[in-house]
Amino acid sequence: KSIKKVHYLDFRQRYAVLAAKEAIEPVSVELAGKRMCERMEREGILNSDSFQCGKTKIFFKTGVLASLEQRRDEALAKIIGEFQRVCRYYLAQEELQRRRAQKLDFSQFKKIIN
């Protein structure tokens, strides 16, 4: 079996999207990494037998990091999709206001002509 090792800082930065609250807490990098792993374990993302927290690194069994990468990609896609939705809504609202203002200008123009 192959074991992959990841430093706590790298783990925190890369997988913060999977356990954001634990990643941003103002604690040591090691404690944040351990708390992130605990949360991922509670949520069923990690199994207790698939990782082990050391003093400076987290050790993962084969395939676990690939699974985390897939979850990370899915989470980022969801966040980006939501951001795009909000941007499209904002731009649509601006366009709607512009058209309403344009419509008012045209109706005032018609009153002047008549």
C-alpha atoms as a PDB file:
ATOM      1  CA  LYS A   1       0.000   0.000   0.000  1.00  0.00           C
ATOM      2  CA  SER A   2       1.162   3.484  -0.798  1.00  0.00           C
ATOM      3  CA  ILE A   3       0.862   6.243   1.782  1.00  0.00           C
ATOM      4  CA  LYS A   4       0.639   9.892   0.745  1.00  0.00           C
ATOM      5  CA  LYS A   5       1.868  12.596   3.130  1.00  0.00           C
ATOM      6  CA  VAL A   6       0.537  16.152   3.129  1.00  0.00           C
ATOM      7  CA  HIS A   7       1.800  18.993   5.326  1.00  0.00           C
ATOM      8  CA  TYR A   8      -0.897  20.590   7.458  1.00  0.00           C
ATOM      9  CA  LEU A   9      -0.485  23.993   5.803  1.00  0.00           C
ATOM     10  CA  ASP A  10      -0.875  22.517   2.312  1.00  0.00           C
ATOM     11  CA  PHE A  11      -3.883  20.483   3.447  1.00  0.00           C
ATOM     12  CA  ARG A  12      -5.517  23.522   5.039  1.00  0.00           C
ATOM     13  CA  GLN A  13      -5.032  25.681   1.963  1.00  0.00           C
ATOM     14  CA  ARG A  14      -6.054  23.072  -0.592  1.00  0.00           C
ATOM     15  CA  TYR A  15      -9.085  21.525   1.120  1.00  0.00           C
ATOM     16  CA  ALA A  16     -10.429  24.503   3.080  1.00  0.00           C
ATOM     17  CA  VAL A  17     -13.470  24.500   0.800  1.00  0.00           C
ATOM     18  CA  LEU A  18     -14.504  21.123   2.282  1.00  0.00           C
ATOM     19  CA  ALA A  19     -14.365  22.326   5.901  1.00  0.00           C
ATOM     20  CA  ALA A  20     -14.317  26.110   5.714  1.00  0.00           C
ATOM     21  CA  LYS A  21     -15.254  26.883   9.310  1.00  0.00           C
ATOM     22  CA  GLU A  22     -12.481  24.727  10.716  1.00  0.00           C
ATOM     23  CA  ALA A  23      -9.958  26.021   8.171  1.00  0.00           C
ATOM     24  CA  ILE A  24     -10.429  29.691   9.062  1.00  0.00           C
ATOM     25  CA  GLU A  25     -10.446  29.350  12.841  1.00  0.00           C
ATOM     26  CA  PRO A  26      -7.533  31.295  14.355  1.00  0.00           C
ATOM     27  CA  VAL A  27      -5.715  28.255  15.727  1.00  0.00           C
ATOM     28  CA  SER A  28      -2.483  26.512  14.822  1.00  0.00           C
ATOM     29  CA  VAL A  29      -2.221  25.045  11.352  1.00  0.00           C
ATOM     30  CA  GLU A  30      -1.925  21.561  12.859  1.00  0.00           C
ATOM     31  CA  LEU A  31      -5.050  21.916  14.986  1.00  0.00           C
ATOM     32  CA  ALA A  32      -7.000  23.367  12.055  1.00  0.00           C
ATOM     33  CA  GLY A  33      -5.944  20.414   9.887  1.00  0.00           C
ATOM     34  CA  LYS A  34      -6.984  17.929  12.554  1.00  0.00           C
ATOM     35  CA  ARG A  35     -10.346  19.645  13.012  1.00  0.00           C
ATOM     36  CA  MET A  36     -10.879  19.664   9.251  1.00  0.00           C
ATOM     37  CA  CYS A  37     -10.220  15.909   9.151  1.00  0.00           C
ATOM     38  CA  GLU A  38     -12.625  15.361  12.059  1.00  0.00           C
ATOM     39  CA  ARG A  39     -15.364  17.298  10.282  1.00  0.00           C
ATOM     40  CA  MET A  40     -14.777  15.449   7.023  1.00  0.00           C
ATOM     41  CA  GLU A  41     -14.978  12.205   8.963  1.00  0.00           C
ATOM     42  CA  ARG A  42     -18.300  13.246  10.554  1.00  0.00           C
ATOM     43  CA  GLU A  43     -19.662  14.179   7.123  1.00  0.00           C
ATOM     44  CA  GLY A  44     -18.564  10.883   5.590  1.00  0.00           C
ATOM     45  CA  ILE A  45     -15.943  12.411   3.313  1.00  0.00           C
ATOM     46  CA  LEU A  46     -13.121  10.596   5.143  1.00  0.00           C
ATOM     47  CA  ASN A  47     -13.058   7.238   6.911  1.00  0.00           C
ATOM     48  CA  SER A  48     -11.177   6.995  10.201  1.00  0.00           C
ATOM     49  CA  ASP A  49      -9.030   4.167   8.841  1.00  0.00           C
ATOM     50  CA  SER A  50      -8.039   6.078   5.688  1.00  0.00           C
ATOM     51  CA  PHE A  51      -5.942   8.801   7.330  1.00  0.00           C
ATOM     52  CA  GLN A  52      -3.788   9.504  10.349  1.00  0.00           C
ATOM     53  CA  CYS A  53      -2.695  12.850  11.743  1.00  0.00           C
ATOM     54  CA  GLY A  54       0.974  13.156  12.657  1.00  0.00           C
ATOM     55  CA  LYS A  55       2.947  16.018  14.198  1.00  0.00           C
ATOM     56  CA  THR A  56       3.669  17.865  10.952  1.00  0.00           C
ATOM     57  CA  LYS A  57       1.781  15.926   8.268  1.00  0.00           C
ATOM     58  CA  ILE A  58      -1.406  14.023   7.580  1.00  0.00           C
ATOM     59  CA  PHE A  59      -0.959  10.523   6.171  1.00  0.00           C
ATOM     60  CA  PHE A  60      -3.505   9.222   3.660  1.00  0.00           C
ATOM     61  CA  LYS A  61      -4.007   5.761   2.221  1.00  0.00           C
ATOM     62  CA  THR A  62      -3.975   5.244  -1.529  1.00  0.00           C
ATOM     63  CA  GLY A  63      -6.902   6.822  -3.340  1.00  0.00           C
ATOM     64  CA  VAL A  64      -8.007   9.088  -0.499  1.00  0.00           C
ATOM     65  CA  LEU A  65      -6.401  12.228  -1.932  1.00  0.00           C
ATOM     66  CA  ALA A  66      -7.960  11.505  -5.330  1.00  0.00           C
ATOM     67  CA  SER A  67     -11.347  11.311  -3.612  1.00  0.00           C
ATOM     68  CA  LEU A  68     -10.682  14.584  -1.767  1.00  0.00           C
ATOM     69  CA  GLU A  69      -9.655  16.229  -5.045  1.00  0.00           C
ATOM     70  CA  GLN A  70     -12.918  15.140  -6.643  1.00  0.00           C
ATOM     71  CA  ARG A  71     -14.932  16.495  -3.689  1.00  0.00           C
ATOM     72  CA  ARG A  72     -12.928  19.726  -3.827  1.00  0.00           C
ATOM     73  CA  ASP A  73     -13.592  20.113  -7.560  1.00  0.00           C
ATOM     74  CA  GLU A  74     -17.321  19.525  -7.011  1.00  0.00           C
ATOM     75  CA  ALA A  75     -17.439  22.059  -4.167  1.00  0.00           C
ATOM     76  CA  LEU A  76     -15.565  24.673  -6.204  1.00  0.00           C
ATOM     77  CA  ALA A  77     -17.840  24.100  -9.207  1.00  0.00           C
ATOM     78  CA  LYS A  78     -20.860  24.651  -6.966  1.00  0.00           C
ATOM     79  CA  ILE A  79     -19.390  27.860  -5.515  1.00  0.00           C
ATOM     80  CA  ILE A  80     -18.416  29.186  -8.942  1.00  0.00           C
ATOM     81  CA  GLY A  81     -21.850  28.328 -10.338  1.00  0.00           C
ATOM     82  CA  GLU A  82     -23.529  30.210  -7.497  1.00  0.00           C
ATOM     83  CA  PHE A  83     -21.220  33.199  -8.038  1.00  0.00           C
ATOM     84  CA  GLN A  84     -22.046  33.210 -11.761  1.00  0.00           C
ATOM     85  CA  ARG A  85     -25.767  33.027 -10.955  1.00  0.00           C
ATOM     86  CA  VAL A  86     -25.501  36.056  -8.661  1.00  0.00           C
ATOM     87  CA  CYS A  87     -23.517  37.980 -11.288  1.00  0.00           C
ATOM     88  CA  ARG A  88     -26.060  37.177 -14.013  1.00  0.00           C
ATOM     89  CA  TYR A  89     -28.906  38.286 -11.726  1.00  0.00           C
ATOM     90  CA  TYR A  90     -27.118  41.553 -10.920  1.00  0.00           C
ATOM     91  CA  LEU A  91     -26.451  42.277 -14.600  1.00  0.00           C
ATOM     92  CA  ALA A  92     -30.057  41.433 -15.513  1.00  0.00           C
ATOM     93  CA  GLN A  93     -31.318  43.839 -12.845  1.00  0.00           C
ATOM     94  CA  GLU A  94     -29.065  46.593 -14.192  1.00  0.00           C
ATOM     95  CA  GLU A  95     -30.339  45.939 -17.728  1.00  0.00           C
ATOM     96  CA  LEU A  96     -33.936  46.010 -16.480  1.00  0.00           C
ATOM     97  CA  GLN A  97     -33.387  49.370 -14.771  1.00  0.00           C
ATOM     98  CA  ARG A  98     -31.722  50.748 -17.905  1.00  0.00           C
ATOM     99  CA  ARG A  99     -34.669  49.652 -20.058  1.00  0.00           C
ATOM    100  CA  ARG A 100     -37.206  51.099 -17.614  1.00  0.00           C
ATOM    101  CA  ALA A 101     -35.369  54.419 -17.657  1.00  0.00           C
ATOM    102  CA  GLN A 102     -35.246  54.288 -21.453  1.00  0.00           C
ATOM    103  CA  LYS A 103     -38.983  53.528 -21.592  1.00  0.00           C
ATOM    104  CA  LEU A 104     -39.751  56.503 -19.335  1.00  0.00           C
ATOM    105  CA  ASP A 105     -37.648  58.774 -21.522  1.00  0.00           C
ATOM    106  CA  PHE A 106     -39.509  57.582 -24.624  1.00  0.00           C
ATOM    107  CA  SER A 107     -42.954  58.091 -23.025  1.00  0.00           C
ATOM    108  CA  GLN A 108     -41.983  61.630 -21.996  1.00  0.00           C
ATOM    109  CA  PHE A 109     -40.814  62.262 -25.551  1.00  0.00           C
ATOM    110  CA  LYS A 110     -44.205  61.073 -26.875  1.00  0.00           C
ATOM    111  CA  LYS A 111     -46.024  63.497 -24.538  1.00  0.00           C
ATOM    112  CA  ILE A 112     -43.957  66.389 -25.828  1.00  0.00           C
ATOM    113  CA  ILE A 113     -44.691  65.511 -29.463  1.00  0.00           C
ATOM    114  CA  ASN A 114     -48.456  65.163 -28.899  1.00  0.00           C
END
